[in-house]
Amino acid sequence: MKNTILITFISASLFFSCTKNAVTGKRAFTLLPESEMMAMSFSQYDKFLAEHPPLSDHDDRVKMVRSCGVRIQKAVEKFYADKGMSKQLNGFNWAFNVVDENTVNAWCMPGGKVVVYTGLLPVTQDEAGLAVVMGHEIAHAVARHGNQRMSQGILLQTGGTVLSVAVSQKPQATQALFNQSFGVASALGSLKYSRGHETEADKMGLIFAAMGGYDPEVAVGFWERMSAGGGQKPPELLSTHPSDERRIQDLKAFMPQAKKYYKPQ
């Protein structure tokens, strides 16, 4: 049994790569090549939009989401270029769409494939509030958080293999794991990322929003509104997310750093 586990680990480790976080400087290991993740992302994104037709390009909500999305995209690209890390964005093919569903959620797949649900917009209230969420979700994608979650799931599901094999052998389970890893069709703040990932995305998202010309102070009000939305939540120790109170405290503590990047447009 021990030999089997060792062989599985060695086989899986052949596919590991190490990605440096552009904000924290921390390195994280991923099992799955980002090129394969993007290929699956583009396929799953098209499939999702076929099943959930997006709003028309002429809709004012779509115009706002795309305006915000492009500003965050440019901020991300500049931030990574300034760090000499533009290669981490190779293969990105950005897209921003809005789905008319009463779900308080938004997500970003690998390669910059974003969906915002109309149910989120009353909580964000305006484009600055939307930038808080989009910056956060895009941060998850560029930091490879979903890849890390998916890698863990693939190891548990298959014992360690390449993504293409997992898709061919267990297509439905792998697609479900992919959607779960990126929070597709779940509520914003559901248990899809670890507390560490959420904190990283909060900080990165604040920087991206600030660089996009949005006041990062808006983030505090947004998360206060999310907290006031109600719903019984597990204690922080039992949750993979920071509590709302802890998240707001952390955001306030990081705000002076984020404000350094803020240039109103």
Protein backbone atom coordinates (compact mmCIF):
# COMPACT_ATOMS: atom_id res chain seq x y z
CA MET A 1 0.00 0.00 0.00
CA LYS A 2 2.81 2.40 0.93
CA ASN A 3 4.59 1.64 -2.35
CA THR A 4 1.41 2.35 -4.31
CA ILE A 5 0.97 5.71 -2.59
CA LEU A 6 4.63 6.57 -3.19
CA ILE A 7 4.44 5.68 -6.89
CA THR A 8 1.24 7.67 -7.28
CA PHE A 9 2.81 10.69 -5.59
CA ILE A 10 5.96 10.49 -7.73
CA SER A 11 3.90 10.12 -10.91
CA ALA A 12 1.70 13.05 -9.99
CA SER A 13 4.65 15.21 -8.99
CA LEU A 14 6.03 15.00 -12.52
CA PHE A 15 3.25 17.35 -13.58
CA PHE A 16 3.61 19.85 -10.73
CA SER A 17 4.50 23.42 -11.52
CA CYS A 18 5.27 26.26 -9.17
CA THR A 19 3.58 29.65 -9.52
CA LYS A 20 4.66 32.80 -7.71
CA ASN A 21 1.91 35.07 -6.40
CA ALA A 22 2.48 38.56 -7.80
CA VAL A 23 1.30 40.30 -4.61
CA THR A 24 2.44 38.11 -1.73
CA GLY A 25 5.53 36.60 -3.38
CA LYS A 26 4.46 33.18 -2.09
CA ARG A 27 4.89 30.14 -4.31
CA ALA A 28 2.15 27.56 -4.78
CA PHE A 29 2.27 24.19 -6.49
CA THR A 30 -0.28 23.11 -9.07
CA LEU A 31 -0.71 19.69 -10.60
CA LEU A 32 -2.47 20.78 -13.77
CA PRO A 33 -0.81 22.68 -16.67
CA GLU A 34 -2.47 26.06 -17.05
CA SER A 35 -2.80 25.48 -20.80
CA GLU A 36 -5.04 22.47 -20.10
CA MET A 37 -7.00 24.44 -17.53
CA MET A 38 -7.60 27.21 -20.07
CA ALA A 39 -8.68 24.76 -22.75
CA MET A 40 -11.23 23.28 -20.37
CA SER A 41 -12.23 26.76 -19.24
CA PHE A 42 -12.99 27.98 -22.74
CA SER A 43 -15.05 24.87 -23.43
CA GLN A 44 -16.94 25.05 -20.13
CA TYR A 45 -17.55 28.79 -20.54
CA ASP A 46 -19.14 28.30 -23.96
CA LYS A 47 -21.22 25.43 -22.58
CA PHE A 48 -22.37 27.54 -19.64
CA LEU A 49 -23.41 30.45 -21.85
CA ALA A 50 -25.29 28.08 -24.17
CA GLU A 51 -27.28 26.86 -21.18
CA HIS A 52 -27.58 30.31 -19.57
CA PRO A 53 -27.94 32.83 -22.44
CA PRO A 54 -26.24 36.13 -21.50
CA LEU A 55 -27.92 39.50 -21.72
CA SER A 56 -27.68 41.52 -24.91
CA ASP A 57 -24.65 43.67 -25.62
CA HIS A 58 -27.03 46.67 -25.66
CA ASP A 59 -28.18 46.15 -22.06
CA ASP A 60 -26.90 48.92 -19.76
CA ARG A 61 -25.92 46.33 -17.14
CA VAL A 62 -23.73 44.56 -19.67
CA LYS A 63 -22.12 47.84 -20.69
CA MET A 64 -21.30 48.60 -17.06
CA VAL A 65 -19.87 45.12 -16.40
CA ARG A 66 -17.73 45.26 -19.52
CA SER A 67 -16.52 48.78 -18.79
CA CYS A 68 -15.52 47.68 -15.31
CA GLY A 69 -14.06 44.41 -16.56
CA VAL A 70 -11.82 46.06 -19.14
CA ARG A 71 -10.51 48.53 -16.55
CA ILE A 72 -9.69 45.67 -14.15
CA GLN A 73 -8.14 43.68 -17.04
CA LYS A 74 -5.84 46.59 -17.95
CA ALA A 75 -4.91 47.01 -14.28
CA VAL A 76 -4.01 43.33 -14.01
CA GLU A 77 -1.94 43.44 -17.17
CA LYS A 78 -0.07 46.55 -16.01
CA PHE A 79 0.52 45.15 -12.53
CA TYR A 80 1.98 41.93 -13.91
CA ALA A 81 4.05 43.81 -16.51
CA ASP A 82 5.48 46.05 -13.78
CA LYS A 83 6.46 42.92 -11.86
CA GLY A 84 8.05 41.35 -14.95
CA MET A 85 5.51 38.52 -14.73
CA SER A 86 3.43 39.04 -17.88
CA LYS A 87 4.10 35.44 -18.93
CA GLN A 88 1.65 34.33 -16.25
CA LEU A 89 -1.11 35.91 -18.34
CA ASN A 90 -0.17 34.14 -21.59
CA GLY A 91 -3.20 32.60 -23.26
CA PHE A 92 -5.74 34.85 -21.53
CA ASN A 93 -8.71 35.61 -23.76
CA TRP A 94 -10.84 37.93 -21.67
CA ALA A 95 -14.64 37.89 -21.84
CA PHE A 96 -17.25 39.60 -19.64
CA ASN A 97 -20.89 38.51 -19.72
CA VAL A 98 -24.00 39.03 -17.60
CA VAL A 99 -26.58 36.35 -16.86
CA ASP A 100 -30.07 37.37 -15.77
CA GLU A 101 -30.45 35.21 -12.66
CA ASN A 102 -31.27 36.22 -9.10
CA THR A 103 -28.04 34.80 -7.71
CA VAL A 104 -25.62 36.95 -5.71
CA ASN A 105 -22.54 35.73 -7.51
CA ALA A 106 -19.78 36.34 -10.04
CA TRP A 107 -16.88 34.16 -11.09
CA CYS A 108 -13.83 34.08 -13.32
CA MET A 109 -12.53 30.95 -15.02
CA PRO A 110 -8.91 30.51 -16.14
CA GLY A 111 -8.04 32.75 -19.06
CA GLY A 112 -10.22 35.65 -17.89
CA LYS A 113 -13.68 34.21 -18.60
CA VAL A 114 -16.04 36.19 -16.38
CA VAL A 115 -19.75 35.93 -15.62
CA VAL A 116 -21.70 38.33 -13.40
CA TYR A 117 -25.25 37.49 -12.26
CA THR A 118 -27.84 40.27 -12.17
CA GLY A 119 -28.68 39.25 -8.58
CA LEU A 120 -25.31 40.64 -7.51
CA LEU A 121 -25.87 44.15 -8.87
CA PRO A 122 -28.28 45.42 -6.16
CA VAL A 123 -25.61 44.54 -3.58
CA THR A 124 -22.70 46.13 -5.46
CA GLN A 125 -24.96 49.18 -6.06
CA ASP A 126 -22.67 50.86 -8.59
CA GLU A 127 -19.64 50.28 -10.79
CA ALA A 128 -17.19 50.88 -7.94
CA GLY A 129 -18.87 48.20 -5.84
CA LEU A 130 -18.84 45.89 -8.85
CA ALA A 131 -15.10 46.49 -9.23
CA VAL A 132 -14.57 45.09 -5.72
CA VAL A 133 -16.15 41.79 -6.74
CA MET A 134 -14.65 41.59 -10.21
CA GLY A 135 -11.19 42.42 -8.89
CA HIS A 136 -11.58 39.70 -6.27
CA GLU A 137 -12.80 37.02 -8.68
CA ILE A 138 -10.21 37.87 -11.34
CA ALA A 139 -7.55 37.73 -8.62
CA HIS A 140 -8.53 34.11 -7.93
CA ALA A 141 -7.97 33.31 -11.61
CA VAL A 142 -4.62 35.05 -12.09
CA ALA A 143 -3.31 33.62 -8.79
CA ARG A 144 -4.21 30.09 -9.98
CA HIS A 145 -6.36 29.45 -6.90
CA GLY A 146 -8.84 27.38 -8.90
CA ASN A 147 -6.02 25.31 -10.36
CA GLN A 148 -4.77 24.60 -6.84
CA ARG A 149 -8.26 23.54 -5.73
CA MET A 150 -8.74 21.46 -8.87
CA SER A 151 -5.33 19.83 -8.41
CA GLN A 152 -6.30 18.74 -4.91
CA GLY A 153 -9.57 17.34 -6.22
CA ILE A 154 -7.90 15.47 -9.07
CA LEU A 155 -5.46 13.86 -6.64
CA LEU A 156 -8.32 12.71 -4.44
CA GLN A 157 -10.54 11.69 -7.35
CA THR A 158 -8.03 9.83 -9.52
CA GLY A 159 -4.93 9.39 -7.39
CA GLY A 160 -3.02 11.83 -9.60
CA THR A 161 -3.25 12.08 -13.38
CA VAL A 162 -3.25 14.65 -16.16
CA LEU A 163 -6.44 16.63 -16.73
CA SER A 164 -7.12 15.23 -20.20
CA VAL A 165 -7.13 11.68 -18.81
CA ALA A 166 -9.43 12.68 -15.97
CA VAL A 167 -11.82 14.28 -18.47
CA SER A 168 -11.87 11.20 -20.69
CA GLN A 169 -12.22 8.71 -17.83
CA LYS A 170 -14.59 10.66 -15.59
CA PRO A 171 -16.02 13.49 -17.69
CA GLN A 172 -19.03 14.36 -15.53
CA ALA A 173 -17.14 14.16 -12.25
CA THR A 174 -14.26 16.23 -13.64
CA GLN A 175 -16.58 18.90 -15.04
CA ALA A 176 -18.43 19.05 -11.72
CA LEU A 177 -15.10 19.41 -9.91
CA PHE A 178 -14.10 22.21 -12.29
CA ASN A 179 -17.35 24.11 -11.70
CA GLN A 180 -17.05 23.65 -7.95
CA SER A 181 -13.44 24.85 -7.99
CA PHE A 182 -14.42 28.11 -9.67
CA GLY A 183 -17.72 28.72 -7.90
CA VAL A 184 -19.85 28.41 -11.04
CA ALA A 185 -23.57 28.76 -10.25
CA SER A 186 -23.00 28.97 -6.50
CA ALA A 187 -23.51 31.90 -4.17
CA LEU A 188 -20.76 34.47 -3.71
CA GLY A 189 -18.83 33.51 -0.61
CA SER A 190 -19.80 29.83 -0.74
CA LEU A 191 -17.12 27.34 0.26
CA LYS A 192 -15.08 27.18 -2.92
CA TYR A 193 -11.72 28.58 -1.80
CA SER A 194 -9.67 28.34 1.37
CA ARG A 195 -9.37 31.18 3.85
CA GLY A 196 -5.84 31.80 2.58
CA HIS A 197 -7.05 32.05 -1.00
CA GLU A 198 -9.87 34.38 -0.04
CA THR A 199 -7.53 36.70 1.85
CA GLU A 200 -5.07 36.76 -1.06
CA ALA A 201 -7.87 37.53 -3.52
CA ASP A 202 -9.21 40.30 -1.27
CA LYS A 203 -5.80 42.02 -1.23
CA MET A 204 -5.07 41.49 -4.92
CA GLY A 205 -8.59 42.54 -5.86
CA LEU A 206 -8.27 45.78 -3.91
CA ILE A 207 -5.06 46.61 -5.76
CA PHE A 208 -6.58 45.82 -9.16
CA ALA A 209 -9.69 47.89 -8.41
CA ALA A 210 -7.57 50.79 -7.18
CA MET A 211 -5.35 50.66 -10.27
CA GLY A 212 -8.52 50.64 -12.38
CA GLY A 213 -9.50 53.97 -10.86
CA TYR A 214 -12.01 52.71 -8.29
CA ASP A 215 -11.81 53.81 -4.66
CA PRO A 216 -10.82 50.67 -2.69
CA GLU A 217 -12.61 52.05 0.39
CA VAL A 218 -15.84 50.93 -1.29
CA ALA A 219 -14.91 47.33 -0.46
CA VAL A 220 -15.72 47.80 3.23
CA GLY A 221 -19.26 48.96 2.50
CA PHE A 222 -19.81 46.13 0.03
CA TRP A 223 -18.81 43.40 2.50
CA GLU A 224 -20.87 45.07 5.22
CA ARG A 225 -23.89 44.81 2.92
CA MET A 226 -23.04 41.19 2.18
CA SER A 227 -22.81 40.50 5.91
CA ALA A 228 -26.16 42.21 6.52
CA GLY A 229 -27.75 39.96 3.91
CA GLY A 230 -28.39 37.42 6.65
CA GLY A 231 -28.25 33.67 6.52
CA GLN A 232 -26.76 31.49 9.23
CA LYS A 233 -23.03 31.04 8.70
CA PRO A 234 -20.68 28.55 10.36
CA PRO A 235 -18.12 29.80 12.88
CA GLU A 236 -14.88 30.87 11.21
CA LEU A 237 -12.99 27.84 12.50
CA LEU A 238 -15.49 25.57 10.75
CA SER A 239 -15.49 27.54 7.52
CA THR A 240 -12.98 27.77 4.69
CA HIS A 241 -13.76 31.51 4.55
CA PRO A 242 -12.81 34.33 6.88
CA SER A 243 -15.80 35.54 8.89
CA ASP A 244 -17.38 38.73 7.60
CA GLU A 245 -16.02 40.60 10.64
CA ARG A 246 -12.48 39.26 10.10
CA ARG A 247 -12.63 40.00 6.38
CA ILE A 248 -13.67 43.61 6.99
CA GLN A 249 -10.94 44.03 9.61
CA ASP A 250 -8.34 42.64 7.20
CA LEU A 251 -9.56 44.90 4.39
CA LYS A 252 -9.30 47.96 6.61
CA ALA A 253 -5.79 46.94 7.67
CA PHE A 254 -4.69 46.50 4.05
CA MET A 255 -6.42 49.68 2.84
CA PRO A 256 -3.38 52.01 3.20
CA GLN A 257 -1.40 49.70 0.91
CA ALA A 258 -4.22 49.51 -1.64
CA LYS A 259 -4.68 53.29 -1.60
CA LYS A 260 -1.12 53.70 -2.88
CA TYR A 261 -2.34 52.33 -6.22
CA TYR A 262 -5.48 54.49 -6.37
CA LYS A 263 -5.64 57.03 -9.18
CA PRO A 264 -9.21 58.28 -9.77
CA GLN A 265 -10.35 58.32 -13.38
